[in-house]
C-alpha atoms as a PDB file:
ATOM      1  CA  UNK A   1     -18.021  -9.853  20.996  1.00  0.00           C
ATOM      2  CA  UNK A   2     -17.668  -7.246  18.255  1.00  0.00           C
ATOM      3  CA  UNK A   3     -16.007  -7.533  14.874  1.00  0.00           C
ATOM      4  CA  UNK A   4     -15.567  -5.498  11.712  1.00  0.00           C
ATOM      5  CA  UNK A   5     -17.549  -6.748   8.713  1.00  0.00           C
ATOM      6  CA  UNK A   6     -17.354  -5.917   5.038  1.00  0.00           C
ATOM      7  CA  UNK A   7     -21.000  -6.584   4.252  1.00  0.00           C
ATOM      8  CA  UNK A   8     -20.657  -5.668   0.584  1.00  0.00           C
ATOM      9  CA  UNK A   9     -18.353  -3.939  -1.842  1.00  0.00           C
ATOM     10  CA  UNK A  10     -18.365  -0.215  -1.144  1.00  0.00           C
ATOM     11  CA  UNK A  11     -16.849   2.907   0.384  1.00  0.00           C
ATOM     12  CA  UNK A  12     -15.384   3.041   3.911  1.00  0.00           C
ATOM     13  CA  UNK A  13     -18.717   4.146   5.364  1.00  0.00           C
ATOM     14  CA  UNK A  14     -20.247   0.859   4.221  1.00  0.00           C
ATOM     15  CA  UNK A  15     -18.230  -1.036   6.842  1.00  0.00           C
ATOM     16  CA  UNK A  16     -20.268  -2.344   9.786  1.00  0.00           C
ATOM     17  CA  UNK A  17     -19.428  -3.259  13.368  1.00  0.00           C
ATOM     18  CA  UNK A  18     -21.391  -6.364  14.360  1.00  0.00           C
ATOM     19  CA  UNK A  19     -22.072  -8.169  17.615  1.00  0.00           C
ATOM     20  CA  UNK A  20     -21.540 -11.914  17.265  1.00  0.00           C
ATOM     21  CA  UNK A  21     -21.208 -14.903  19.558  1.00  0.00           C
ATOM     22  CA  UNK A  22     -17.795 -15.593  21.065  1.00  0.00           C
ATOM     23  CA  UNK A  23     -16.081 -18.120  18.795  1.00  0.00           C
ATOM     24  CA  UNK A  24     -15.515 -21.704  19.886  1.00  0.00           C
ATOM     25  CA  UNK A  25     -11.872 -22.618  20.326  1.00  0.00           C
ATOM     26  CA  UNK A  26     -11.766 -26.354  19.611  1.00  0.00           C
ATOM     27  CA  UNK A  27      -9.072 -28.845  20.651  1.00  0.00           C
ATOM     28  CA  UNK A  28      -6.483 -27.863  18.006  1.00  0.00           C
ATOM     29  CA  UNK A  29      -6.877 -24.089  18.052  1.00  0.00           C
ATOM     30  CA  UNK A  30      -6.053 -21.102  20.238  1.00  0.00           C
ATOM     31  CA  UNK A  31      -8.378 -18.226  21.183  1.00  0.00           C
ATOM     32  CA  UNK A  32      -6.715 -14.821  21.402  1.00  0.00           C
ATOM     33  CA  UNK A  33      -7.967 -11.542  22.849  1.00  0.00           C
ATOM     34  CA  UNK A  34      -6.972  -8.970  20.253  1.00  0.00           C
ATOM     35  CA  UNK A  35      -5.292  -5.808  21.511  1.00  0.00           C
ATOM     36  CA  UNK A  36      -4.081  -4.357  18.216  1.00  0.00           C
ATOM     37  CA  UNK A  37      -4.653  -5.217  14.562  1.00  0.00           C
ATOM     38  CA  UNK A  38      -2.545  -3.969  11.680  1.00  0.00           C
ATOM     39  CA  UNK A  39      -4.239  -2.324   8.714  1.00  0.00           C
ATOM     40  CA  UNK A  40      -2.800  -2.759   5.228  1.00  0.00           C
ATOM     41  CA  UNK A  41      -3.555  -1.384   1.774  1.00  0.00           C
ATOM     42  CA  UNK A  42      -4.822  -4.829   0.816  1.00  0.00           C
ATOM     43  CA  UNK A  43      -7.678  -4.315   3.301  1.00  0.00           C
ATOM     44  CA  UNK A  44      -8.805  -1.307   1.271  1.00  0.00           C
ATOM     45  CA  UNK A  45      -8.578  -3.189  -2.009  1.00  0.00           C
ATOM     46  CA  UNK A  46     -10.633  -6.057  -0.579  1.00  0.00           C
ATOM     47  CA  UNK A  47     -13.358  -3.649   0.492  1.00  0.00           C
ATOM     48  CA  UNK A  48     -13.511  -2.358  -3.083  1.00  0.00           C
ATOM     49  CA  UNK A  49     -13.683  -5.864  -4.520  1.00  0.00           C
ATOM     50  CA  UNK A  50     -10.316  -5.469  -6.246  1.00  0.00           C
ATOM     51  CA  UNK A  51      -8.319  -8.062  -4.328  1.00  0.00           C
ATOM     52  CA  UNK A  52      -8.121 -11.424  -6.059  1.00  0.00           C
ATOM     53  CA  UNK A  53      -7.628 -13.563  -2.947  1.00  0.00           C
ATOM     54  CA  UNK A  54     -10.320 -11.970  -0.794  1.00  0.00           C
ATOM     55  CA  UNK A  55     -13.132 -14.065   0.732  1.00  0.00           C
ATOM     56  CA  UNK A  56     -16.677 -13.685  -0.532  1.00  0.00           C
ATOM     57  CA  UNK A  57     -18.759 -10.911   1.027  1.00  0.00           C
ATOM     58  CA  UNK A  58     -19.678 -10.620   3.849  1.00  0.00           C
ATOM     59  CA  UNK A  59     -16.404 -11.230   5.686  1.00  0.00           C
ATOM     60  CA  UNK A  60     -14.072  -9.832   8.336  1.00  0.00           C
ATOM     61  CA  UNK A  61     -10.680  -8.616   7.083  1.00  0.00           C
ATOM     62  CA  UNK A  62      -7.431  -8.327   9.015  1.00  0.00           C
ATOM     63  CA  UNK A  63      -4.179 -10.221   8.377  1.00  0.00           C
ATOM     64  CA  UNK A  64      -2.301  -9.601  11.628  1.00  0.00           C
ATOM     65  CA  UNK A  65      -3.041  -9.008  15.284  1.00  0.00           C
ATOM     66  CA  UNK A  66      -1.321  -8.900  18.636  1.00  0.00           C
ATOM     67  CA  UNK A  67      -2.907  -9.868  21.926  1.00  0.00           C
ATOM     68  CA  UNK A  68      -3.145 -12.341  24.789  1.00  0.00           C
ATOM     69  CA  UNK A  69      -4.145 -16.005  24.681  1.00  0.00           C
ATOM     70  CA  UNK A  70      -7.488 -16.599  26.402  1.00  0.00           C
ATOM     71  CA  UNK A  71      -7.946 -20.315  25.710  1.00  0.00           C
ATOM     72  CA  UNK A  72      -5.763 -23.169  24.487  1.00  0.00           C
ATOM     73  CA  UNK A  73      -7.155 -26.294  22.852  1.00  0.00           C
ATOM     74  CA  UNK A  74      -6.515 -29.626  24.582  1.00  0.00           C
ATOM     75  CA  UNK A  75      -4.212 -30.829  21.798  1.00  0.00           C
ATOM     76  CA  UNK A  76      -2.105 -27.661  21.610  1.00  0.00           C
ATOM     77  CA  UNK A  77       1.396 -27.739  23.072  1.00  0.00           C
ATOM     78  CA  UNK A  78       3.923 -25.031  24.020  1.00  0.00           C
ATOM     79  CA  UNK A  79       1.296 -22.303  24.396  1.00  0.00           C
ATOM     80  CA  UNK A  80      -0.682 -21.322  27.463  1.00  0.00           C
ATOM     81  CA  UNK A  81      -3.315 -18.903  28.678  1.00  0.00           C
ATOM     82  CA  UNK A  82      -1.795 -15.479  29.290  1.00  0.00           C
ATOM     83  CA  UNK A  83       0.925 -15.698  26.651  1.00  0.00           C
ATOM     84  CA  UNK A  84       1.465 -12.454  24.752  1.00  0.00           C
ATOM     85  CA  UNK A  85       1.473 -13.258  21.050  1.00  0.00           C
ATOM     86  CA  UNK A  86       1.379 -12.241  17.432  1.00  0.00           C
ATOM     87  CA  UNK A  87      -1.488 -13.976  15.640  1.00  0.00           C
ATOM     88  CA  UNK A  88      -1.247 -14.219  11.857  1.00  0.00           C
ATOM     89  CA  UNK A  89      -4.916 -14.552  11.009  1.00  0.00           C
ATOM     90  CA  UNK A  90      -4.804 -14.482   7.214  1.00  0.00           C
ATOM     91  CA  UNK A  91      -8.222 -12.846   7.394  1.00  0.00           C
ATOM     92  CA  UNK A  92     -10.628 -12.235  10.259  1.00  0.00           C
ATOM     93  CA  UNK A  93      -8.217 -10.296  12.452  1.00  0.00           C
ATOM     94  CA  UNK A  94     -10.422  -7.218  12.851  1.00  0.00           C
ATOM     95  CA  UNK A  95     -12.300  -8.643  15.813  1.00  0.00           C
ATOM     96  CA  UNK A  96     -12.173  -8.515  19.595  1.00  0.00           C
ATOM     97  CA  UNK A  97     -11.279 -12.218  19.663  1.00  0.00           C
ATOM     98  CA  UNK A  98      -9.846 -14.572  17.039  1.00  0.00           C
ATOM     99  CA  UNK A  99      -9.400 -18.313  16.684  1.00  0.00           C
ATOM    100  CA  UNK A 100      -5.975 -19.209  15.278  1.00  0.00           C
ATOM    101  CA  UNK A 101      -3.973 -22.351  14.575  1.00  0.00           C
ATOM    102  CA  UNK A 102      -0.905 -22.615  16.831  1.00  0.00           C
ATOM    103  CA  UNK A 103       1.288 -22.726  13.721  1.00  0.00           C
ATOM    104  CA  UNK A 104       0.261 -19.133  13.047  1.00  0.00           C
ATOM    105  CA  UNK A 105       1.151 -17.815  16.488  1.00  0.00           C
ATOM    106  CA  UNK A 106       4.464 -16.409  17.692  1.00  0.00           C
ATOM    107  CA  UNK A 107       5.075 -15.489  21.332  1.00  0.00           C
ATOM    108  CA  UNK A 108       6.452 -12.032  22.023  1.00  0.00           C
ATOM    109  CA  UNK A 109       8.547 -10.817  24.974  1.00  0.00           C
ATOM    110  CA  UNK A 110       7.150  -8.530  27.657  1.00  0.00           C
ATOM    111  CA  UNK A 111       9.474  -5.820  26.391  1.00  0.00           C
ATOM    112  CA  UNK A 112       7.636  -5.665  23.054  1.00  0.00           C
ATOM    113  CA  UNK A 113       4.463  -3.561  23.016  1.00  0.00           C
ATOM    114  CA  UNK A 114       1.286  -4.741  21.326  1.00  0.00           C
ATOM    115  CA  UNK A 115       1.621  -1.786  18.957  1.00  0.00           C
ATOM    116  CA  UNK A 116       5.050  -2.919  17.794  1.00  0.00           C
ATOM    117  CA  UNK A 117       3.991  -6.573  17.587  1.00  0.00           C
ATOM    118  CA  UNK A 118       1.010  -5.831  15.333  1.00  0.00           C
ATOM    119  CA  UNK A 119       3.215  -3.687  13.090  1.00  0.00           C
ATOM    120  CA  UNK A 120       5.661  -6.449  12.204  1.00  0.00           C
ATOM    121  CA  UNK A 121       4.075  -9.485  10.438  1.00  0.00           C
ATOM    122  CA  UNK A 122       2.853  -8.039   7.137  1.00  0.00           C
ATOM    123  CA  UNK A 123       5.061  -4.989   6.643  1.00  0.00           C
ATOM    124  CA  UNK A 124       8.363  -6.202   8.062  1.00  0.00           C
ATOM    125  CA  UNK A 125       7.629  -9.801   7.095  1.00  0.00           C
ATOM    126  CA  UNK A 126       7.072  -8.764   3.482  1.00  0.00           C
ATOM    127  CA  UNK A 127      10.136  -6.513   3.351  1.00  0.00           C
ATOM    128  CA  UNK A 128      12.339  -9.176   4.959  1.00  0.00           C
ATOM    129  CA  UNK A 129      11.025 -11.906   2.661  1.00  0.00           C
ATOM    130  CA  UNK A 130      11.726  -9.833  -0.448  1.00  0.00           C
ATOM    131  CA  UNK A 131      15.057  -8.274   0.384  1.00  0.00           C
ATOM    132  CA  UNK A 132      16.737 -10.750   2.719  1.00  0.00           C
ATOM    133  CA  UNK A 133      15.170 -14.170   2.061  1.00  0.00           C
ATOM    134  CA  UNK A 134      14.700 -13.884  -1.712  1.00  0.00           C
ATOM    135  CA  UNK A 135      17.102 -11.049  -2.505  1.00  0.00           C
ATOM    136  CA  UNK A 136      20.040 -12.044  -0.293  1.00  0.00           C
ATOM    137  CA  UNK A 137      20.495  -8.365   0.532  1.00  0.00           C
ATOM    138  CA  UNK A 138      24.044  -7.509   1.528  1.00  0.00           C
ATOM    139  CA  UNK A 139      26.160  -4.599   2.646  1.00  0.00           C
ATOM    140  CA  UNK A 140      26.900  -1.774   0.188  1.00  0.00           C
ATOM    141  CA  UNK A 141      24.118  -2.755  -2.218  1.00  0.00           C
ATOM    142  CA  UNK A 142      21.491  -0.320  -3.524  1.00  0.00           C
ATOM    143  CA  UNK A 143      17.692  -0.425  -3.249  1.00  0.00           C
ATOM    144  CA  UNK A 144      14.712   1.383  -4.806  1.00  0.00           C
ATOM    145  CA  UNK A 145      11.702   1.582  -2.461  1.00  0.00           C
ATOM    146  CA  UNK A 146       8.300   2.705  -3.731  1.00  0.00           C
ATOM    147  CA  UNK A 147       5.661   4.045  -1.299  1.00  0.00           C
ATOM    148  CA  UNK A 148       8.653   4.759   0.888  1.00  0.00           C
ATOM    149  CA  UNK A 149       6.612   6.430   3.636  1.00  0.00           C
ATOM    150  CA  UNK A 150       4.161   3.548   4.039  1.00  0.00           C
ATOM    151  CA  UNK A 151       4.310   0.473   6.233  1.00  0.00           C
ATOM    152  CA  UNK A 152       6.395  -1.791   3.986  1.00  0.00           C
ATOM    153  CA  UNK A 153       8.441   1.157   2.735  1.00  0.00           C
ATOM    154  CA  UNK A 154       9.550   2.243   6.198  1.00  0.00           C
ATOM    155  CA  UNK A 155      10.178  -1.380   7.181  1.00  0.00           C
ATOM    156  CA  UNK A 156      12.329  -1.916   4.093  1.00  0.00           C
ATOM    157  CA  UNK A 157      14.330   1.241   4.781  1.00  0.00           C
ATOM    158  CA  UNK A 158      15.113   0.125   8.335  1.00  0.00           C
ATOM    159  CA  UNK A 159      16.094  -3.377   7.234  1.00  0.00           C
ATOM    160  CA  UNK A 160      18.345  -1.908   4.544  1.00  0.00           C
ATOM    161  CA  UNK A 161      19.976   0.445   7.034  1.00  0.00           C
ATOM    162  CA  UNK A 162      20.581  -2.400   9.484  1.00  0.00           C
ATOM    163  CA  UNK A 163      22.306  -4.444   6.765  1.00  0.00           C
ATOM    164  CA  UNK A 164      24.435  -1.491   5.641  1.00  0.00           C
ATOM    165  CA  UNK A 165      22.974  -0.699   2.224  1.00  0.00           C
ATOM    166  CA  UNK A 166      24.881   2.157   0.591  1.00  0.00           C
ATOM    167  CA  UNK A 167      22.145   3.698  -1.599  1.00  0.00           C
ATOM    168  CA  UNK A 168      18.405   3.890  -0.907  1.00  0.00           C
ATOM    169  CA  UNK A 169      16.030   5.674  -3.279  1.00  0.00           C
ATOM    170  CA  UNK A 170      12.506   6.284  -1.999  1.00  0.00           C
ATOM    171  CA  UNK A 171       9.462   7.484  -3.931  1.00  0.00           C
ATOM    172  CA  UNK A 172       6.553   9.202  -2.189  1.00  0.00           C
ATOM    173  CA  UNK A 173       4.288  12.233  -2.453  1.00  0.00           C
ATOM    174  CA  UNK A 174       5.932  15.663  -2.237  1.00  0.00           C
ATOM    175  CA  UNK A 175       4.699  16.353   1.293  1.00  0.00           C
ATOM    176  CA  UNK A 176       6.626  13.365   2.647  1.00  0.00           C
ATOM    177  CA  UNK A 177      10.085  14.432   1.454  1.00  0.00           C
ATOM    178  CA  UNK A 178      11.473  15.282   4.900  1.00  0.00           C
ATOM    179  CA  UNK A 179      10.118  12.072   6.400  1.00  0.00           C
ATOM    180  CA  UNK A 180      11.546   9.874   3.639  1.00  0.00           C
ATOM    181  CA  UNK A 181      14.920  11.590   3.811  1.00  0.00           C
ATOM    182  CA  UNK A 182      14.982  11.180   7.607  1.00  0.00           C
ATOM    183  CA  UNK A 183      15.028   7.415   6.997  1.00  0.00           C
ATOM    184  CA  UNK A 184      18.186   7.698   4.916  1.00  0.00           C
ATOM    185  CA  UNK A 185      16.593   7.587   1.472  1.00  0.00           C
ATOM    186  CA  UNK A 186      17.159   9.868  -1.511  1.00  0.00           C
ATOM    187  CA  UNK A 187      13.688  11.255  -2.147  1.00  0.00           C
ATOM    188  CA  UNK A 188      11.930  11.164  -5.519  1.00  0.00           C
ATOM    189  CA  UNK A 189       8.527  12.807  -6.021  1.00  0.00           C
ATOM    190  CA  UNK A 190       6.292   9.968  -7.205  1.00  0.00           C
ATOM    191  CA  UNK A 191       4.240  12.298  -9.407  1.00  0.00           C
ATOM    192  CA  UNK A 192       6.935  14.510 -10.937  1.00  0.00           C
ATOM    193  CA  UNK A 193      10.279  12.827 -10.410  1.00  0.00           C
ATOM    194  CA  UNK A 194      12.213  10.418 -12.626  1.00  0.00           C
ATOM    195  CA  UNK A 195      13.245   7.614 -10.300  1.00  0.00           C
ATOM    196  CA  UNK A 196      14.928   5.664 -13.110  1.00  0.00           C
ATOM    197  CA  UNK A 197      17.332   8.543 -13.699  1.00  0.00           C
ATOM    198  CA  UNK A 198      17.973   9.022  -9.978  1.00  0.00           C
ATOM    199  CA  UNK A 199      18.749   5.323  -9.545  1.00  0.00           C
ATOM    200  CA  UNK A 200      21.205   5.438 -12.426  1.00  0.00           C
ATOM    201  CA  UNK A 201      22.796   8.714 -11.310  1.00  0.00           C
ATOM    202  CA  UNK A 202      23.413   7.451  -7.765  1.00  0.00           C
ATOM    203  CA  UNK A 203      24.981   4.192  -8.946  1.00  0.00           C
ATOM    204  CA  UNK A 204      27.383   5.491 -11.619  1.00  0.00           C
ATOM    205  CA  UNK A 205      24.966   4.465 -14.348  1.00  0.00           C
ATOM    206  CA  UNK A 206      24.695   0.826 -13.280  1.00  0.00           C
ATOM    207  CA  UNK A 207      21.276   0.881 -11.613  1.00  0.00           C
ATOM    208  CA  UNK A 208      20.164  -0.528  -8.274  1.00  0.00           C
ATOM    209  CA  UNK A 209      20.576  -4.083  -7.011  1.00  0.00           C
ATOM    210  CA  UNK A 210      16.969  -4.335  -5.759  1.00  0.00           C
ATOM    211  CA  UNK A 211      13.630  -2.632  -6.417  1.00  0.00           C
ATOM    212  CA  UNK A 212      10.407  -3.255  -4.480  1.00  0.00           C
ATOM    213  CA  UNK A 213       7.219  -2.252  -6.277  1.00  0.00           C
ATOM    214  CA  UNK A 214       3.701  -2.230  -4.757  1.00  0.00           C
ATOM    215  CA  UNK A 215       2.329   0.047  -7.490  1.00  0.00           C
ATOM    216  CA  UNK A 216       1.851  -2.178 -10.527  1.00  0.00           C
ATOM    217  CA  UNK A 217       1.008  -0.995 -14.031  1.00  0.00           C
ATOM    218  CA  UNK A 218       3.614   0.917 -16.000  1.00  0.00           C
ATOM    219  CA  UNK A 219       5.556   1.543 -12.794  1.00  0.00           C
ATOM    220  CA  UNK A 220       6.745  -2.077 -12.920  1.00  0.00           C
ATOM    221  CA  UNK A 221       8.459  -1.574 -16.272  1.00  0.00           C
ATOM    222  CA  UNK A 222      10.224   1.547 -14.979  1.00  0.00           C
ATOM    223  CA  UNK A 223      11.308  -0.272 -11.825  1.00  0.00           C
ATOM    224  CA  UNK A 224      12.765  -3.005 -14.032  1.00  0.00           C
ATOM    225  CA  UNK A 225      14.718  -0.401 -16.004  1.00  0.00           C
ATOM    226  CA  UNK A 226      16.097   0.962 -12.726  1.00  0.00           C
ATOM    227  CA  UNK A 227      17.918  -2.312 -12.079  1.00  0.00           C
ATOM    228  CA  UNK A 228      21.515  -3.075 -12.932  1.00  0.00           C
ATOM    229  CA  UNK A 229      22.616  -6.261 -14.658  1.00  0.00           C
ATOM    230  CA  UNK A 230      21.832  -9.014 -12.163  1.00  0.00           C
ATOM    231  CA  UNK A 231      19.318  -6.864 -10.268  1.00  0.00           C
ATOM    232  CA  UNK A 232      16.154  -8.161  -8.604  1.00  0.00           C
ATOM    233  CA  UNK A 233      12.637  -6.732  -8.869  1.00  0.00           C
ATOM    234  CA  UNK A 234      10.041  -7.629  -6.236  1.00  0.00           C
ATOM    235  CA  UNK A 235       6.404  -6.899  -7.154  1.00  0.00           C
ATOM    236  CA  UNK A 236       4.052  -7.112  -4.176  1.00  0.00           C
ATOM    237  CA  UNK A 237       1.025  -4.945  -4.898  1.00  0.00           C
ATOM    238  CA  UNK A 238      -1.100  -3.019  -7.351  1.00  0.00           C
ATOM    239  CA  UNK A 239      -1.941   0.249  -5.610  1.00  0.00           C
ATOM    240  CA  UNK A 240      -2.353   2.082  -8.918  1.00  0.00           C
ATOM    241  CA  UNK A 241      -5.655   0.212  -9.312  1.00  0.00           C
ATOM    242  CA  UNK A 242      -7.068   2.294  -6.438  1.00  0.00           C
ATOM    243  CA  UNK A 243      -7.670   5.995  -7.059  1.00  0.00           C
ATOM    244  CA  UNK A 244      -9.987   6.892  -4.201  1.00  0.00           C
ATOM    245  CA  UNK A 245     -12.525   5.578  -1.722  1.00  0.00           C
ATOM    246  CA  UNK A 246     -14.820   4.284  -4.470  1.00  0.00           C
ATOM    247  CA  UNK A 247     -13.882   1.487  -6.813  1.00  0.00           C
ATOM    248  CA  UNK A 248     -12.713   2.647 -10.217  1.00  0.00           C
ATOM    249  CA  UNK A 249     -12.872  -0.111 -12.811  1.00  0.00           C
ATOM    250  CA  UNK A 250     -11.121   2.228 -15.229  1.00  0.00           C
ATOM    251  CA  UNK A 251      -8.102   2.499 -12.897  1.00  0.00           C
ATOM    252  CA  UNK A 252      -8.078  -1.251 -12.286  1.00  0.00           C
ATOM    253  CA  UNK A 253      -8.269  -2.117 -15.987  1.00  0.00           C
ATOM    254  CA  UNK A 254      -5.637   0.499 -16.816  1.00  0.00           C
ATOM    255  CA  UNK A 255      -3.313  -1.025 -14.232  1.00  0.00           C
ATOM    256  CA  UNK A 256      -3.701  -4.526 -15.693  1.00  0.00           C
ATOM    257  CA  UNK A 257      -3.236  -3.350 -19.281  1.00  0.00           C
ATOM    258  CA  UNK A 258      -0.131  -1.324 -18.420  1.00  0.00           C
ATOM    259  CA  UNK A 259       1.539  -4.051 -16.373  1.00  0.00           C
ATOM    260  CA  UNK A 260       4.343  -5.336 -18.630  1.00  0.00           C
ATOM    261  CA  UNK A 261       4.830  -8.900 -19.840  1.00  0.00           C
ATOM    262  CA  UNK A 262       8.366 -10.225 -19.516  1.00  0.00           C
ATOM    263  CA  UNK A 263      10.059 -12.708 -21.814  1.00  0.00           C
ATOM    264  CA  UNK A 264      12.421 -14.905 -19.775  1.00  0.00           C
ATOM    265  CA  UNK A 265      14.563 -15.644 -22.821  1.00  0.00           C
ATOM    266  CA  UNK A 266      15.188 -11.938 -23.376  1.00  0.00           C
ATOM    267  CA  UNK A 267      15.794 -11.481 -19.658  1.00  0.00           C
ATOM    268  CA  UNK A 268      18.699 -13.892 -19.758  1.00  0.00           C
ATOM    269  CA  UNK A 269      21.022 -11.323 -21.291  1.00  0.00           C
ATOM    270  CA  UNK A 270      20.533  -8.925 -18.362  1.00  0.00           C
ATOM    271  CA  UNK A 271      20.489 -11.597 -15.630  1.00  0.00           C
ATOM    272  CA  UNK A 272      17.654  -9.734 -13.951  1.00  0.00           C
ATOM    273  CA  UNK A 273      15.100 -11.511 -11.747  1.00  0.00           C
ATOM    274  CA  UNK A 274      11.449 -10.787 -10.986  1.00  0.00           C
ATOM    275  CA  UNK A 275       9.653 -12.082  -7.905  1.00  0.00           C
ATOM    276  CA  UNK A 276       5.934 -11.921  -7.253  1.00  0.00           C
ATOM    277  CA  UNK A 277       5.370 -11.740  -3.491  1.00  0.00           C
ATOM    278  CA  UNK A 278       2.137 -12.222  -1.526  1.00  0.00           C
ATOM    279  CA  UNK A 279       2.763 -13.270   2.070  1.00  0.00           C
ATOM    280  CA  UNK A 280      -0.939 -14.004   2.585  1.00  0.00           C
ATOM    281  CA  UNK A 281      -0.797 -16.896   0.109  1.00  0.00           C
ATOM    282  CA  UNK A 282       2.572 -18.278   1.211  1.00  0.00           C
ATOM    283  CA  UNK A 283       1.883 -21.945   1.992  1.00  0.00           C
ATOM    284  CA  UNK A 284       4.952 -22.729   4.092  1.00  0.00           C
ATOM    285  CA  UNK A 285       4.141 -21.078   7.418  1.00  0.00           C
ATOM    286  CA  UNK A 286       7.563 -22.058   8.770  1.00  0.00           C
ATOM    287  CA  UNK A 287       9.132 -19.457   6.505  1.00  0.00           C
ATOM    288  CA  UNK A 288       7.071 -16.604   7.926  1.00  0.00           C
ATOM    289  CA  UNK A 289       7.568 -17.790  11.512  1.00  0.00           C
ATOM    290  CA  UNK A 290      11.306 -17.843  10.959  1.00  0.00           C
ATOM    291  CA  UNK A 291      11.139 -14.337   9.472  1.00  0.00           C
ATOM    292  CA  UNK A 292       9.320 -13.135  12.584  1.00  0.00           C
ATOM    293  CA  UNK A 293      11.937 -14.709  14.843  1.00  0.00           C
ATOM    294  CA  UNK A 294      14.747 -13.030  12.900  1.00  0.00           C
ATOM    295  CA  UNK A 295      12.893  -9.718  12.961  1.00  0.00           C
ATOM    296  CA  UNK A 296      12.405 -10.048  16.726  1.00  0.00           C
ATOM    297  CA  UNK A 297      16.171 -10.411  17.071  1.00  0.00           C
ATOM    298  CA  UNK A 298      16.668  -7.326  14.910  1.00  0.00           C
ATOM    299  CA  UNK A 299      14.170  -5.406  17.043  1.00  0.00           C
ATOM    300  CA  UNK A 300      15.810  -6.439  20.315  1.00  0.00           C
ATOM    301  CA  UNK A 301      19.218  -5.379  18.979  1.00  0.00           C
ATOM    302  CA  UNK A 302      17.880  -1.989  17.841  1.00  0.00           C
ATOM    303  CA  UNK A 303      18.180  -2.752  14.134  1.00  0.00           C
ATOM    304  CA  UNK A 304      14.500  -2.046  13.481  1.00  0.00           C
ATOM    305  CA  UNK A 305      11.904   0.042  15.291  1.00  0.00           C
ATOM    306  CA  UNK A 306       8.423   0.075  13.691  1.00  0.00           C
ATOM    307  CA  UNK A 307       7.119   3.524  12.821  1.00  0.00           C
ATOM    308  CA  UNK A 308       3.495   3.803  13.848  1.00  0.00           C
ATOM    309  CA  UNK A 309       1.521   6.496  12.113  1.00  0.00           C
ATOM    310  CA  UNK A 310      -1.611   6.260  14.242  1.00  0.00           C
ATOM    311  CA  UNK A 311      -3.783   4.019  16.396  1.00  0.00           C
ATOM    312  CA  UNK A 312      -7.554   4.159  15.866  1.00  0.00           C
ATOM    313  CA  UNK A 313     -10.434   2.829  17.921  1.00  0.00           C
ATOM    314  CA  UNK A 314     -11.682  -0.071  15.770  1.00  0.00           C
ATOM    315  CA  UNK A 315     -15.123   1.562  15.627  1.00  0.00           C
ATOM    316  CA  UNK A 316     -13.460   4.374  13.652  1.00  0.00           C
ATOM    317  CA  UNK A 317     -12.157   2.046  10.954  1.00  0.00           C
ATOM    318  CA  UNK A 318     -13.918   4.022   8.220  1.00  0.00           C
ATOM    319  CA  UNK A 319     -11.957   7.149   9.134  1.00  0.00           C
ATOM    320  CA  UNK A 320      -8.747   5.123   9.441  1.00  0.00           C
ATOM    321  CA  UNK A 321      -9.218   3.773   5.924  1.00  0.00           C
ATOM    322  CA  UNK A 322      -9.970   7.243   4.560  1.00  0.00           C
ATOM    323  CA  UNK A 323      -6.686   8.352   6.141  1.00  0.00           C
ATOM    324  CA  UNK A 324      -4.876   5.622   4.201  1.00  0.00           C
ATOM    325  CA  UNK A 325      -6.835   6.265   0.993  1.00  0.00           C
ATOM    326  CA  UNK A 326      -5.667   9.876   1.106  1.00  0.00           C
ATOM    327  CA  UNK A 327      -2.039   8.708   1.443  1.00  0.00           C
ATOM    328  CA  UNK A 328      -1.657  10.600   4.720  1.00  0.00           C
ATOM    329  CA  UNK A 329      -0.014   7.860   6.738  1.00  0.00           C
ATOM    330  CA  UNK A 330       3.676   7.779   7.525  1.00  0.00           C
ATOM    331  CA  UNK A 331       4.298   4.272   8.745  1.00  0.00           C
ATOM    332  CA  UNK A 332       1.816   1.752  10.106  1.00  0.00           C
ATOM    333  CA  UNK A 333      -1.869   2.272  10.907  1.00  0.00           C
ATOM    334  CA  UNK A 334      -3.258   0.160  13.757  1.00  0.00           C
ATOM    335  CA  UNK A 335      -6.726  -0.584  15.108  1.00  0.00           C
ATOM    336  CA  UNK A 336      -7.231  -0.653  18.886  1.00  0.00           C
ATOM    337  CA  UNK A 337      -9.550  -3.406  20.133  1.00  0.00           C
ATOM    338  CA  UNK A 338      -9.192  -2.572  23.833  1.00  0.00           C
ATOM    339  CA  UNK A 339     -10.051   1.146  23.767  1.00  0.00           C
ATOM    340  CA  UNK A 340     -10.383   2.931  27.073  1.00  0.00           C
END
């Protein structure tokens, strides 16, 4: 079988496609034929050596896949060959076949496409975990969404709309204004706009109830200032550390230096909360599985509908990552492991 391999830290063109032996299933595992795999910004950061929880090189990335079960271990119950599933791989998902623990598999209905299934775990799972599970998002609240045109951003906007949020502010590059506004968000140019002011202006000076920030650096402090008394800030990335296809230590160091330090004693007077969110390191897999079940219900009821930017033959992963590096995607980027 074939799989994607990060052989060393480098640019997208350093990625290799390797032929390897078909993996052994084992009695307590499940072997899945991958149809689609979701690509995330974390995959780019890992390739550059800027992701703290990445495996040692060489390794195969890929947090999430959808496909069909090919083999079930003798000790596995409630799953069978032919089941259509989401497989939450953690890493290693960019391969034609993957071996996964049954605890990390969720069956999907025939009505759900493999494209949709592979678009849900990381992006919608992260947005749901932040806003609904941790944030207790409710009707008529207000939310600030950074990278509003990306995978998590579009997922968050749809979840907010389904709950009945009254104000959504979305930051993105200038060329994505129409797209962001089509999702019900008030657009703010991420390079030129003042999202703190917009958040205050749209909430009668109070600020928003929730802010989700995948940018890091000084953006975190501004997101915090956008909150009202009792507001909640969710930090789930550090995209400002990446300024192009090649690793920039200057950008990474600048991001770390500019990320603010918060004093919980001083925070008491504002009743604000800060959550650090990384679904890949979440130890309780039951939480994520429950999120996926709730999201499946939302999908079936029409509350969410994943926006897929593009689907790439997995052999073209370098070009797919360049597409993401250049901030061209609107929604989710997928890799196709059963190309025609």
